[in-house]
PDB file of all heavy atoms in Angstrom:
ATOM      1  N   MET A   1      13.912  14.619   3.788  1.00  0.00           N
ATOM      2  CA  MET A   1      14.246  15.537   4.880  1.00  0.00           C
ATOM      3  C   MET A   1      13.167  15.677   5.890  1.00  0.00           C
ATOM      4  O   MET A   1      13.370  15.740   7.062  1.00  0.00           O
ATOM      5  CB  MET A   1      14.694  16.872   4.309  1.00  0.00           C
ATOM      6  CG  MET A   1      15.852  16.863   3.376  1.00  0.00           C
ATOM      7  SD  MET A   1      17.381  16.386   4.272  1.00  0.00           S
ATOM      8  CE  MET A   1      17.405  17.702   5.534  1.00  0.00           C
ATOM      9  N   VAL A   2      11.885  15.825   5.406  1.00  0.00           N
ATOM     10  CA  VAL A   2      10.760  16.121   6.225  1.00  0.00           C
ATOM     11  C   VAL A   2      10.019  14.846   6.574  1.00  0.00           C
ATOM     12  O   VAL A   2       9.709  14.525   7.774  1.00  0.00           O
ATOM     13  CB  VAL A   2       9.810  17.111   5.656  1.00  0.00           C
ATOM     14  CG1 VAL A   2       8.641  17.419   6.503  1.00  0.00           C
ATOM     15  CG2 VAL A   2      10.588  18.459   5.335  1.00  0.00           C
ATOM     16  N   ASN A   3       9.591  14.078   5.562  1.00  0.00           N
ATOM     17  CA  ASN A   3       8.788  12.859   5.814  1.00  0.00           C
ATOM     18  C   ASN A   3       9.651  11.691   6.359  1.00  0.00           C
ATOM     19  O   ASN A   3       9.061  10.765   6.951  1.00  0.00           O
ATOM     20  CB  ASN A   3       8.045  12.498   4.536  1.00  0.00           C
ATOM     21  CG  ASN A   3       7.040  13.565   4.059  1.00  0.00           C
ATOM     22  OD1 ASN A   3       6.692  14.431   4.936  1.00  0.00           O
ATOM     23  ND2 ASN A   3       6.719  13.550   2.840  1.00  0.00           N
ATOM     24  N   GLY A   4      10.929  11.606   5.984  1.00  0.00           N
ATOM     25  CA  GLY A   4      11.788  10.583   6.428  1.00  0.00           C
ATOM     26  C   GLY A   4      11.523   9.236   5.728  1.00  0.00           C
ATOM     27  O   GLY A   4      12.004   8.177   6.218  1.00  0.00           O
ATOM     28  N   ARG A   5      10.784   9.236   4.648  1.00  0.00           N
ATOM     29  CA  ARG A   5      10.512   8.020   3.956  1.00  0.00           C
ATOM     30  C   ARG A   5      10.645   8.325   2.421  1.00  0.00           C
ATOM     31  O   ARG A   5       9.978   9.283   1.910  1.00  0.00           O
ATOM     32  CB  ARG A   5       9.106   7.472   4.237  1.00  0.00           C
ATOM     33  CG  ARG A   5       8.860   7.210   5.709  1.00  0.00           C
ATOM     34  CD  ARG A   5       7.557   6.506   5.990  1.00  0.00           C
ATOM     35  NE  ARG A   5       7.656   5.106   5.623  1.00  0.00           N
ATOM     36  CZ  ARG A   5       8.072   4.158   6.497  1.00  0.00           C
ATOM     37  NH1 ARG A   5       8.445   4.526   7.716  1.00  0.00           N
ATOM     38  NH2 ARG A   5       8.143   2.914   6.125  1.00  0.00           N
ATOM     39  N   THR A   6      11.437   7.579   1.711  1.00  0.00           N
ATOM     40  CA  THR A   6      11.675   7.893   0.284  1.00  0.00           C
ATOM     41  C   THR A   6      12.347   6.731  -0.441  1.00  0.00           C
ATOM     42  O   THR A   6      12.487   5.667   0.133  1.00  0.00           O
ATOM     43  CB  THR A   6      12.562   9.156   0.193  1.00  0.00           C
ATOM     44  OG1 THR A   6      12.594   9.628  -1.138  1.00  0.00           O
ATOM     45  CG2 THR A   6      13.958   8.904   0.615  1.00  0.00           C
ATOM     46  N   VAL A   7      12.739   7.041  -1.687  1.00  0.00           N
ATOM     47  CA  VAL A   7      13.426   5.967  -2.536  1.00  0.00           C
ATOM     48  C   VAL A   7      14.802   6.611  -2.850  1.00  0.00           C
ATOM     49  O   VAL A   7      15.138   7.648  -2.328  1.00  0.00           O
ATOM     50  CB  VAL A   7      12.631   5.589  -3.766  1.00  0.00           C
ATOM     51  CG1 VAL A   7      11.363   4.933  -3.395  1.00  0.00           C
ATOM     52  CG2 VAL A   7      12.329   6.842  -4.667  1.00  0.00           C
ATOM     53  N   CYS A   8      15.534   6.023  -3.754  1.00  0.00           N
ATOM     54  CA  CYS A   8      16.849   6.466  -4.090  1.00  0.00           C
ATOM     55  C   CYS A   8      16.885   7.904  -4.529  1.00  0.00           C
ATOM     56  O   CYS A   8      17.855   8.593  -4.149  1.00  0.00           O
ATOM     57  CB  CYS A   8      17.485   5.547  -5.166  1.00  0.00           C
ATOM     58  SG  CYS A   8      16.606   5.632  -6.782  1.00  0.00           S
ATOM     59  N   ALA A   9      15.953   8.340  -5.252  1.00  0.00           N
ATOM     60  CA  ALA A   9      15.966   9.743  -5.736  1.00  0.00           C
ATOM     61  C   ALA A   9      15.904  10.759  -4.555  1.00  0.00           C
ATOM     62  O   ALA A   9      16.606  11.755  -4.536  1.00  0.00           O
ATOM     63  CB  ALA A   9      14.792   9.975  -6.658  1.00  0.00           C
ATOM     64  N   GLY A  10      15.082  10.434  -3.585  1.00  0.00           N
ATOM     65  CA  GLY A  10      14.938  11.269  -2.424  1.00  0.00           C
ATOM     66  C   GLY A  10      16.295  11.298  -1.605  1.00  0.00           C
ATOM     67  O   GLY A  10      16.684  12.342  -1.077  1.00  0.00           O
ATOM     68  N   TYR A  11      16.818  10.123  -1.368  1.00  0.00           N
ATOM     69  CA  TYR A  11      18.143  10.097  -0.723  1.00  0.00           C
ATOM     70  C   TYR A  11      19.183  11.009  -1.406  1.00  0.00           C
ATOM     71  O   TYR A  11      19.859  11.866  -0.729  1.00  0.00           O
ATOM     72  CB  TYR A  11      18.713   8.669  -0.709  1.00  0.00           C
ATOM     73  CG  TYR A  11      18.182   7.698   0.282  1.00  0.00           C
ATOM     74  CD1 TYR A  11      17.057   6.919   0.052  1.00  0.00           C
ATOM     75  CD2 TYR A  11      18.866   7.451   1.551  1.00  0.00           C
ATOM     76  CE1 TYR A  11      16.600   5.955   0.965  1.00  0.00           C
ATOM     77  CE2 TYR A  11      18.381   6.541   2.465  1.00  0.00           C
ATOM     78  CZ  TYR A  11      17.271   5.797   2.178  1.00  0.00           C
ATOM     79  OH  TYR A  11      16.860   4.851   3.088  1.00  0.00           O
ATOM     80  N   ALA A  12      19.249  10.835  -2.715  1.00  0.00           N
ATOM     81  CA  ALA A  12      20.248  11.554  -3.490  1.00  0.00           C
ATOM     82  C   ALA A  12      20.073  13.006  -3.536  1.00  0.00           C
ATOM     83  O   ALA A  12      20.933  13.843  -3.428  1.00  0.00           O
ATOM     84  CB  ALA A  12      20.337  10.951  -4.917  1.00  0.00           C
ATOM     85  N   ARG A  13      18.745  13.393  -3.598  1.00  0.00           N
ATOM     86  CA  ARG A  13      18.485  14.837  -3.706  1.00  0.00           C
ATOM     87  C   ARG A  13      18.731  15.526  -2.338  1.00  0.00           C
ATOM     88  O   ARG A  13      19.189  16.636  -2.303  1.00  0.00           O
ATOM     89  CB  ARG A  13      17.000  15.023  -4.079  1.00  0.00           C
ATOM     90  CG  ARG A  13      16.547  14.397  -5.356  1.00  0.00           C
ATOM     91  CD  ARG A  13      16.968  15.185  -6.531  1.00  0.00           C
ATOM     92  NE  ARG A  13      16.024  16.351  -6.657  1.00  0.00           N
ATOM     93  CZ  ARG A  13      16.221  17.313  -7.599  1.00  0.00           C
ATOM     94  NH1 ARG A  13      17.348  17.298  -8.377  1.00  0.00           N
ATOM     95  NH2 ARG A  13      15.398  18.303  -7.745  1.00  0.00           N
ATOM     96  N   ALA A  14      18.446  14.788  -1.218  1.00  0.00           N
ATOM     97  CA  ALA A  14      18.726  15.340   0.077  1.00  0.00           C
ATOM     98  C   ALA A  14      20.207  15.489   0.368  1.00  0.00           C
ATOM     99  O   ALA A  14      20.751  16.514   0.853  1.00  0.00           O
ATOM    100  CB  ALA A  14      18.079  14.460   1.181  1.00  0.00           C
ATOM    101  N   PHE A  15      20.956  14.463  -0.076  1.00  0.00           N
ATOM    102  CA  PHE A  15      22.420  14.489   0.064  1.00  0.00           C
ATOM    103  C   PHE A  15      23.026  15.633  -0.746  1.00  0.00           C
ATOM    104  O   PHE A  15      23.919  16.364  -0.266  1.00  0.00           O
ATOM    105  CB  PHE A  15      22.963  13.150  -0.367  1.00  0.00           C
ATOM    106  CG  PHE A  15      24.458  12.902  -0.002  1.00  0.00           C
ATOM    107  CD1 PHE A  15      24.865  12.737   1.237  1.00  0.00           C
ATOM    108  CD2 PHE A  15      25.454  12.823  -1.023  1.00  0.00           C
ATOM    109  CE1 PHE A  15      26.150  12.531   1.583  1.00  0.00           C
ATOM    110  CE2 PHE A  15      26.733  12.605  -0.771  1.00  0.00           C
ATOM    111  CZ  PHE A  15      27.122  12.449   0.589  1.00  0.00           C
ATOM    112  N   GLN A  16      22.528  15.775  -1.989  1.00  0.00           N
ATOM    113  CA  GLN A  16      22.983  16.909  -2.799  1.00  0.00           C
ATOM    114  C   GLN A  16      22.716  18.263  -2.172  1.00  0.00           C
ATOM    115  O   GLN A  16      23.622  19.050  -2.168  1.00  0.00           O
ATOM    116  CB  GLN A  16      22.309  16.775  -4.165  1.00  0.00           C
ATOM    117  CG  GLN A  16      22.610  17.919  -5.163  1.00  0.00           C
ATOM    118  CD  GLN A  16      21.686  17.881  -6.344  1.00  0.00           C
ATOM    119  OE1 GLN A  16      20.558  17.289  -6.310  1.00  0.00           O
ATOM    120  NE2 GLN A  16      22.028  18.541  -7.448  1.00  0.00           N
ATOM    121  N   TYR A  17      21.521  18.438  -1.684  1.00  0.00           N
ATOM    122  CA  TYR A  17      21.167  19.731  -1.098  1.00  0.00           C
ATOM    123  C   TYR A  17      22.008  20.059   0.078  1.00  0.00           C
ATOM    124  O   TYR A  17      22.569  21.201   0.235  1.00  0.00           O
ATOM    125  CB  TYR A  17      19.657  19.711  -0.681  1.00  0.00           C
ATOM    126  CG  TYR A  17      19.240  20.990   0.075  1.00  0.00           C
ATOM    127  CD1 TYR A  17      19.048  22.167  -0.578  1.00  0.00           C
ATOM    128  CD2 TYR A  17      19.232  20.931   1.443  1.00  0.00           C
ATOM    129  CE1 TYR A  17      18.639  23.287   0.079  1.00  0.00           C
ATOM    130  CE2 TYR A  17      18.874  22.051   2.193  1.00  0.00           C
ATOM    131  CZ  TYR A  17      18.576  23.274   1.474  1.00  0.00           C
ATOM    132  OH  TYR A  17      18.237  24.428   2.191  1.00  0.00           O
ATOM    133  N   LEU A  18      22.186  19.118   1.013  1.00  0.00           N
ATOM    134  CA  LEU A  18      22.896  19.396   2.230  1.00  0.00           C
ATOM    135  C   LEU A  18      24.432  19.694   1.932  1.00  0.00           C
ATOM    136  O   LEU A  18      25.009  20.585   2.556  1.00  0.00           O
ATOM    137  CB  LEU A  18      22.806  18.156   3.207  1.00  0.00           C
ATOM    138  CG  LEU A  18      21.372  17.955   3.748  1.00  0.00           C
ATOM    139  CD1 LEU A  18      21.280  16.654   4.405  1.00  0.00           C
ATOM    140  CD2 LEU A  18      21.021  19.113   4.703  1.00  0.00           C
ATOM    141  N   LEU A  19      25.020  18.933   1.050  1.00  0.00           N
ATOM    142  CA  LEU A  19      26.396  19.179   0.690  1.00  0.00           C
ATOM    143  C   LEU A  19      26.577  20.541   0.002  1.00  0.00           C
ATOM    144  O   LEU A  19      27.576  21.285   0.192  1.00  0.00           O
ATOM    145  CB  LEU A  19      26.993  18.051  -0.147  1.00  0.00           C
ATOM    146  CG  LEU A  19      27.254  16.722   0.598  1.00  0.00           C
ATOM    147  CD1 LEU A  19      28.174  15.848  -0.233  1.00  0.00           C
ATOM    148  CD2 LEU A  19      27.774  16.934   1.976  1.00  0.00           C
ATOM    149  N   GLN A  20      25.600  20.912  -0.858  1.00  0.00           N
ATOM    150  CA  GLN A  20      25.642  22.224  -1.454  1.00  0.00           C
ATOM    151  C   GLN A  20      25.645  23.299  -0.370  1.00  0.00           C
ATOM    152  O   GLN A  20      26.390  24.283  -0.513  1.00  0.00           O
ATOM    153  CB  GLN A  20      24.445  22.426  -2.371  1.00  0.00           C
ATOM    154  CG  GLN A  20      24.538  21.677  -3.765  1.00  0.00           C
ATOM    155  CD  GLN A  20      23.267  21.917  -4.594  1.00  0.00           C
ATOM    156  OE1 GLN A  20      22.276  22.338  -4.023  1.00  0.00           O
ATOM    157  NE2 GLN A  20      23.359  21.634  -5.847  1.00  0.00           N
ATOM    158  N   GLN A  21      24.791  23.148   0.631  1.00  0.00           N
ATOM    159  CA  GLN A  21      24.752  24.079   1.741  1.00  0.00           C
ATOM    160  C   GLN A  21      26.106  24.213   2.462  1.00  0.00           C
ATOM    161  O   GLN A  21      26.395  25.316   3.032  1.00  0.00           O
ATOM    162  CB  GLN A  21      23.653  23.752   2.639  1.00  0.00           C
ATOM    163  CG  GLN A  21      22.250  23.742   2.058  1.00  0.00           C
ATOM    164  CD  GLN A  21      21.961  24.987   1.278  1.00  0.00           C
ATOM    165  OE1 GLN A  21      21.883  26.077   1.846  1.00  0.00           O
ATOM    166  NE2 GLN A  21      21.607  24.910   0.009  1.00  0.00           N
ATOM    167  N   LEU A  22      26.813  23.155   2.507  1.00  0.00           N
ATOM    168  CA  LEU A  22      28.108  23.134   3.152  1.00  0.00           C
ATOM    169  C   LEU A  22      29.264  23.557   2.286  1.00  0.00           C
ATOM    170  O   LEU A  22      30.439  23.548   2.670  1.00  0.00           O
ATOM    171  CB  LEU A  22      28.362  21.701   3.661  1.00  0.00           C
ATOM    172  CG  LEU A  22      27.454  21.235   4.794  1.00  0.00           C
ATOM    173  CD1 LEU A  22      27.616  19.715   5.005  1.00  0.00           C
ATOM    174  CD2 LEU A  22      27.742  21.990   6.119  1.00  0.00           C
ATOM    175  N   GLY A  23      28.950  23.988   1.004  1.00  0.00           N
ATOM    176  CA  GLY A  23      29.960  24.449   0.140  1.00  0.00           C
ATOM    177  C   GLY A  23      30.719  23.264  -0.540  1.00  0.00           C
ATOM    178  O   GLY A  23      31.845  23.495  -1.069  1.00  0.00           O
ATOM    179  N   ILE A  24      30.153  22.073  -0.578  1.00  0.00           N
ATOM    180  CA  ILE A  24      30.859  20.954  -1.196  1.00  0.00           C
ATOM    181  C   ILE A  24      30.057  20.594  -2.494  1.00  0.00           C
ATOM    182  O   ILE A  24      28.912  20.260  -2.433  1.00  0.00           O
ATOM    183  CB  ILE A  24      30.833  19.749  -0.252  1.00  0.00           C
ATOM    184  CG1 ILE A  24      31.492  20.081   1.087  1.00  0.00           C
ATOM    185  CG2 ILE A  24      31.480  18.527  -0.936  1.00  0.00           C
ATOM    186  CD1 ILE A  24      31.361  18.944   2.121  1.00  0.00           C
ATOM    187  N   PRO A  25      30.766  20.705  -3.642  1.00  0.00           N
ATOM    188  CA  PRO A  25      30.095  20.361  -4.910  1.00  0.00           C
ATOM    189  C   PRO A  25      29.568  18.962  -4.891  1.00  0.00           C
ATOM    190  O   PRO A  25      30.312  17.996  -4.615  1.00  0.00           O
ATOM    191  CB  PRO A  25      31.173  20.528  -5.998  1.00  0.00           C
ATOM    192  CG  PRO A  25      32.036  21.598  -5.364  1.00  0.00           C
ATOM    193  CD  PRO A  25      32.107  21.205  -3.875  1.00  0.00           C
ATOM    194  N   CYS A  26      28.321  18.751  -5.109  1.00  0.00           N
ATOM    195  CA  CYS A  26      27.650  17.429  -5.113  1.00  0.00           C
ATOM    196  C   CYS A  26      26.610  17.385  -6.189  1.00  0.00           C
ATOM    197  O   CYS A  26      25.725  18.272  -6.255  1.00  0.00           O
ATOM    198  CB  CYS A  26      27.002  17.148  -3.772  1.00  0.00           C
ATOM    199  SG  CYS A  26      26.211  15.542  -3.594  1.00  0.00           S
ATOM    200  N   TYR A  27      26.688  16.359  -7.018  1.00  0.00           N
ATOM    201  CA  TYR A  27      25.783  16.288  -8.184  1.00  0.00           C
ATOM    202  C   TYR A  27      24.825  15.108  -8.106  1.00  0.00           C
ATOM    203  O   TYR A  27      25.145  14.039  -7.563  1.00  0.00           O
ATOM    204  CB  TYR A  27      26.611  16.143  -9.468  1.00  0.00           C
ATOM    205  CG  TYR A  27      27.785  17.185  -9.528  1.00  0.00           C
ATOM    206  CD1 TYR A  27      29.006  16.815 -10.075  1.00  0.00           C
ATOM    207  CD2 TYR A  27      27.589  18.460  -9.135  1.00  0.00           C
ATOM    208  CE1 TYR A  27      30.034  17.714 -10.131  1.00  0.00           C
ATOM    209  CE2 TYR A  27      28.620  19.348  -9.094  1.00  0.00           C
ATOM    210  CZ  TYR A  27      29.829  18.946  -9.693  1.00  0.00           C
ATOM    211  OH  TYR A  27      30.893  19.874  -9.732  1.00  0.00           O
ATOM    212  N   TYR A  28      23.682  15.332  -8.710  1.00  0.00           N
ATOM    213  CA  TYR A  28      22.620  14.302  -8.797  1.00  0.00           C
ATOM    214  C   TYR A  28      22.957  13.460 -10.042  1.00  0.00           C
ATOM    215  O   TYR A  28      22.982  13.981 -11.136  1.00  0.00           O
ATOM    216  CB  TYR A  28      21.264  14.971  -8.893  1.00  0.00           C
ATOM    217  CG  TYR A  28      20.055  14.088  -8.930  1.00  0.00           C
ATOM    218  CD1 TYR A  28      19.723  13.266  -7.858  1.00  0.00           C
ATOM    219  CD2 TYR A  28      19.201  14.060 -10.035  1.00  0.00           C
ATOM    220  CE1 TYR A  28      18.583  12.541  -7.857  1.00  0.00           C
ATOM    221  CE2 TYR A  28      18.038  13.319  -9.992  1.00  0.00           C
ATOM    222  CZ  TYR A  28      17.777  12.495  -8.930  1.00  0.00           C
ATOM    223  OH  TYR A  28      16.624  11.754  -8.963  1.00  0.00           O
ATOM    224  N   CYS A  29      23.177  12.184  -9.825  1.00  0.00           N
ATOM    225  CA  CYS A  29      23.637  11.305 -10.881  1.00  0.00           C
ATOM    226  C   CYS A  29      22.485  10.188 -11.129  1.00  0.00           C
ATOM    227  O   CYS A  29      22.103   9.601 -10.148  1.00  0.00           O
ATOM    228  CB  CYS A  29      24.921  10.669 -10.635  1.00  0.00           C
ATOM    229  SG  CYS A  29      25.640   9.614 -11.866  1.00  0.00           S
ATOM    230  N   THR A  30      22.135  10.017 -12.379  1.00  0.00           N
ATOM    231  CA  THR A  30      21.075   8.999 -12.601  1.00  0.00           C
ATOM    232  C   THR A  30      21.523   7.960 -13.657  1.00  0.00           C
ATOM    233  O   THR A  30      22.398   8.219 -14.398  1.00  0.00           O
ATOM    234  CB  THR A  30      19.789   9.716 -13.258  1.00  0.00           C
ATOM    235  OG1 THR A  30      20.131  10.331 -14.489  1.00  0.00           O
ATOM    236  CG2 THR A  30      19.259  10.764 -12.271  1.00  0.00           C
ATOM    237  N   GLY A  31      21.021   6.801 -13.511  1.00  0.00           N
ATOM    238  CA  GLY A  31      21.405   5.720 -14.415  1.00  0.00           C
ATOM    239  C   GLY A  31      20.688   4.420 -14.102  1.00  0.00           C
ATOM    240  O   GLY A  31      19.526   4.375 -13.788  1.00  0.00           O
ATOM    241  N   TYR A  32      21.503   3.324 -14.242  1.00  0.00           N
ATOM    242  CA  TYR A  32      20.944   2.011 -14.184  1.00  0.00           C
ATOM    243  C   TYR A  32      21.695   1.189 -13.097  1.00  0.00           C
ATOM    244  O   TYR A  32      22.918   1.198 -13.137  1.00  0.00           O
ATOM    245  CB  TYR A  32      21.034   1.330 -15.522  1.00  0.00           C
ATOM    246  CG  TYR A  32      20.579  -0.133 -15.546  1.00  0.00           C
ATOM    247  CD1 TYR A  32      19.200  -0.403 -15.678  1.00  0.00           C
ATOM    248  CD2 TYR A  32      21.486  -1.186 -15.520  1.00  0.00           C
ATOM    249  CE1 TYR A  32      18.783  -1.730 -15.670  1.00  0.00           C
ATOM    250  CE2 TYR A  32      21.038  -2.464 -15.528  1.00  0.00           C
ATOM    251  CZ  TYR A  32      19.675  -2.771 -15.612  1.00  0.00           C
ATOM    252  OH  TYR A  32      19.261  -4.086 -15.645  1.00  0.00           O
ATOM    253  N   ALA A  33      20.977   0.551 -12.216  1.00  0.00           N
ATOM    254  CA  ALA A  33      21.575  -0.335 -11.219  1.00  0.00           C
ATOM    255  C   ALA A  33      20.677  -1.568 -11.066  1.00  0.00           C
ATOM    256  O   ALA A  33      20.133  -1.783 -10.021  1.00  0.00           O
ATOM    257  CB  ALA A  33      21.865   0.368  -9.962  1.00  0.00           C
ATOM    258  N   GLY A  34      20.464  -2.257 -12.166  1.00  0.00           N
ATOM    259  CA  GLY A  34      19.435  -3.321 -12.169  1.00  0.00           C
ATOM    260  C   GLY A  34      18.088  -2.795 -12.589  1.00  0.00           C
ATOM    261  O   GLY A  34      17.358  -3.495 -13.203  1.00  0.00           O
ATOM    262  N   GLU A  35      17.856  -1.547 -12.217  1.00  0.00           N
ATOM    263  CA  GLU A  35      16.629  -0.758 -12.596  1.00  0.00           C
ATOM    264  C   GLU A  35      17.076   0.710 -12.626  1.00  0.00           C
ATOM    265  O   GLU A  35      18.251   1.013 -12.287  1.00  0.00           O
ATOM    266  CB  GLU A  35      15.542  -0.999 -11.538  1.00  0.00           C
ATOM    267  CG  GLU A  35      15.051  -2.409 -11.413  1.00  0.00           C
ATOM    268  CD  GLU A  35      14.369  -2.685 -10.116  1.00  0.00           C
ATOM    269  OE1 GLU A  35      13.922  -1.753  -9.510  1.00  0.00           O
ATOM    270  OE2 GLU A  35      14.274  -3.898  -9.717  1.00  0.00           O
ATOM    271  N   ASN A  36      16.165   1.600 -12.918  1.00  0.00           N
ATOM    272  CA  ASN A  36      16.488   3.074 -12.949  1.00  0.00           C
ATOM    273  C   ASN A  36      16.874   3.390 -11.515  1.00  0.00           C
ATOM    274  O   ASN A  36      16.141   3.039 -10.550  1.00  0.00           O
ATOM    275  CB  ASN A  36      15.317   3.833 -13.356  1.00  0.00           C
ATOM    276  CG  ASN A  36      15.028   3.691 -14.890  1.00  0.00           C
ATOM    277  OD1 ASN A  36      15.935   3.375 -15.616  1.00  0.00           O
ATOM    278  ND2 ASN A  36      13.827   3.984 -15.326  1.00  0.00           N
ATOM    279  N   HIS A  37      17.975   4.159 -11.382  1.00  0.00           N
ATOM    280  CA  HIS A  37      18.542   4.429 -10.044  1.00  0.00           C
ATOM    281  C   HIS A  37      19.118   5.783  -9.981  1.00  0.00           C
ATOM    282  O   HIS A  37      19.498   6.368 -11.090  1.00  0.00           O
ATOM    283  CB  HIS A  37      19.543   3.341  -9.737  1.00  0.00           C
ATOM    284  CG  HIS A  37      20.041   3.391  -8.322  1.00  0.00           C
ATOM    285  ND1 HIS A  37      19.189   3.458  -7.207  1.00  0.00           N
ATOM    286  CD2 HIS A  37      21.269   3.303  -7.774  1.00  0.00           C
ATOM    287  CE1 HIS A  37      19.883   3.403  -6.043  1.00  0.00           C
ATOM    288  NE2 HIS A  37      21.195   3.371  -6.431  1.00  0.00           N
ATOM    289  N   ALA A  38      19.344   6.352  -8.833  1.00  0.00           N
ATOM    290  CA  ALA A  38      19.918   7.651  -8.636  1.00  0.00           C
ATOM    291  C   ALA A  38      20.947   7.573  -7.468  1.00  0.00           C
ATOM    292  O   ALA A  38      20.648   6.888  -6.496  1.00  0.00           O
ATOM    293  CB  ALA A  38      18.861   8.767  -8.389  1.00  0.00           C
ATOM    294  N   TRP A  39      22.039   8.259  -7.631  1.00  0.00           N
ATOM    295  CA  TRP A  39      23.063   8.349  -6.542  1.00  0.00           C
ATOM    296  C   TRP A  39      23.741   9.706  -6.705  1.00  0.00           C
ATOM    297  O   TRP A  39      23.143  10.617  -7.370  1.00  0.00           O
ATOM    298  CB  TRP A  39      24.080   7.215  -6.581  1.00  0.00           C
ATOM    299  CG  TRP A  39      24.868   7.084  -7.853  1.00  0.00           C
ATOM    300  CD1 TRP A  39      26.194   7.495  -8.045  1.00  0.00           C
ATOM    301  CD2 TRP A  39      24.514   6.454  -9.099  1.00  0.00           C
ATOM    302  NE1 TRP A  39      26.665   7.177  -9.304  1.00  0.00           N
ATOM    303  CE2 TRP A  39      25.642   6.512  -9.950  1.00  0.00           C
ATOM    304  CE3 TRP A  39      23.339   5.789  -9.579  1.00  0.00           C
ATOM    305  CZ2 TRP A  39      25.647   6.039 -11.262  1.00  0.00           C
ATOM    306  CZ3 TRP A  39      23.298   5.309 -10.916  1.00  0.00           C
ATOM    307  CH2 TRP A  39      24.448   5.383 -11.707  1.00  0.00           C
ATOM    308  N   ASN A  40      24.929   9.868  -6.160  1.00  0.00           N
ATOM    309  CA  ASN A  40      25.595  11.218  -6.133  1.00  0.00           C
ATOM    310  C   ASN A  40      27.019  11.106  -6.603  1.00  0.00           C
ATOM    311  O   ASN A  40      27.699  10.046  -6.490  1.00  0.00           O
ATOM    312  CB  ASN A  40      25.535  11.863  -4.811  1.00  0.00           C
ATOM    313  CG  ASN A  40      24.152  12.137  -4.304  1.00  0.00           C
ATOM    314  OD1 ASN A  40      23.539  11.450  -3.539  1.00  0.00           O
ATOM    315  ND2 ASN A  40      23.569  13.248  -4.879  1.00  0.00           N
ATOM    316  N   ILE A  41      27.515  12.241  -7.123  1.00  0.00           N
ATOM    317  CA  ILE A  41      28.952  12.359  -7.345  1.00  0.00           C
ATOM    318  C   ILE A  41      29.391  13.614  -6.546  1.00  0.00           C
ATOM    319  O   ILE A  41      28.745  14.660  -6.553  1.00  0.00           O
ATOM    320  CB  ILE A  41      29.195  12.656  -8.864  1.00  0.00           C
ATOM    321  CG1 ILE A  41      29.011  11.293  -9.567  1.00  0.00           C
ATOM    322  CG2 ILE A  41      30.583  13.159  -9.040  1.00  0.00           C
ATOM    323  CD1 ILE A  41      29.160  11.414 -11.118  1.00  0.00           C
TER     324      ILE A  41
END
């Protein structure tokens, strides 16, 4: 959000935060995508 440079975890955490503020349930999901990876539900 502030630095504008990140990896998958930062993308997913920012997406989660913003949707939460909009009243949309959004979860931080972790797992494997060739390597350790994070995305959202």
